[in-house]
């Protein structure tokens, strides 16, 4: 089972969208500095997680959330 997740850095008002088989474990990686693109914006909190069946479909959903309309959806999650 794959997931699409959104994490948020309140300190920097920054959002990161990703996909993983284990979003909670992945969040630990983001907060420990293992991911270069998120290392400088710690701490991160998980604000959204969506269960998707396959890796391929998770990638499609991730791309959608990174689009303009997807970003609007995410903006409403931060409120």
Protein backbone atom coordinates (compact mmCIF):
# COMPACT_ATOMS: atom_id res chain seq x y z
CA UNK A 1 0.00 0.00 0.00
CA UNK A 2 1.37 3.38 -1.01
CA UNK A 3 0.55 6.77 0.49
CA UNK A 4 0.79 10.34 -0.66
CA UNK A 5 1.63 12.67 2.20
CA UNK A 6 1.98 16.36 2.91
CA UNK A 7 4.27 17.66 5.62
CA UNK A 8 4.43 21.23 6.86
CA UNK A 9 7.15 23.31 8.46
CA UNK A 10 5.44 25.96 10.56
CA UNK A 11 8.77 27.67 11.30
CA UNK A 12 9.30 28.38 7.60
CA UNK A 13 5.70 28.18 6.32
CA UNK A 14 6.83 25.54 3.83
CA UNK A 15 5.04 22.47 2.48
CA UNK A 16 6.56 19.27 1.11
CA UNK A 17 4.56 16.69 -0.87
CA UNK A 18 5.82 13.15 -1.22
CA UNK A 19 4.90 9.49 -1.51
CA UNK A 20 5.96 6.50 0.54
CA UNK A 21 4.91 3.09 1.77
CA UNK A 22 5.40 4.35 5.32
CA UNK A 23 4.73 8.10 5.71
CA UNK A 24 5.35 8.08 9.47
CA UNK A 25 8.77 6.49 9.00
CA UNK A 26 9.48 8.89 6.14
CA UNK A 27 8.57 11.84 8.40
CA UNK A 28 11.21 10.67 10.87
CA UNK A 29 13.71 10.75 8.02
CA UNK A 30 12.73 14.29 7.07
CA UNK A 31 13.06 15.44 10.69
CA UNK A 32 16.41 13.73 11.21
CA UNK A 33 17.93 15.51 8.21
CA UNK A 34 18.25 12.48 5.91
CA UNK A 35 16.51 14.28 3.05
CA UNK A 36 18.57 17.06 1.48
CA UNK A 37 15.59 19.07 0.20
CA UNK A 38 13.86 19.24 3.60
CA UNK A 39 16.85 19.28 5.94
CA UNK A 40 17.01 23.07 6.34
CA UNK A 41 13.35 23.53 7.23
CA UNK A 42 12.91 21.27 10.25
CA UNK A 43 10.78 20.47 12.22
CA UNK A 44 8.09 18.96 9.99
CA UNK A 45 4.61 17.76 10.93
CA UNK A 46 2.36 15.47 8.91
CA UNK A 47 -0.77 17.40 7.89
CA UNK A 48 -2.23 15.05 5.27
CA UNK A 49 -1.96 11.39 4.31
CA UNK A 50 -3.91 9.60 1.58
CA UNK A 51 -3.88 5.86 0.99
CA UNK A 52 -3.33 4.91 -2.67
CA UNK A 53 -3.22 1.36 -4.01
CA UNK A 54 -0.20 1.28 -6.29
CA UNK A 55 3.07 3.18 -6.61
CA UNK A 56 2.04 4.36 -10.08
CA UNK A 57 -1.24 5.83 -8.83
CA UNK A 58 0.52 7.40 -5.86
CA UNK A 59 2.91 9.14 -8.24
CA UNK A 60 -0.02 10.49 -10.28
CA UNK A 61 -1.70 11.80 -7.14
CA UNK A 62 1.55 13.36 -5.95
CA UNK A 63 1.89 15.17 -9.30
CA UNK A 64 -1.70 16.40 -8.99
CA UNK A 65 -1.08 17.76 -5.49
CA UNK A 66 1.97 19.60 -6.79
CA UNK A 67 -0.13 21.28 -9.50
CA UNK A 68 -1.88 24.61 -9.05
CA UNK A 69 -5.25 23.15 -8.11
CA UNK A 70 -3.59 20.64 -5.80
CA UNK A 71 -1.71 23.42 -4.04
CA UNK A 72 -5.03 25.21 -3.44
CA UNK A 73 -6.31 22.05 -1.74
CA UNK A 74 -3.18 21.93 0.44
CA UNK A 75 -3.43 25.62 1.32
CA UNK A 76 -6.79 24.87 2.93
CA UNK A 77 -5.21 22.09 5.03
CA UNK A 78 -2.86 24.54 6.74
CA UNK A 79 -5.74 26.65 8.11
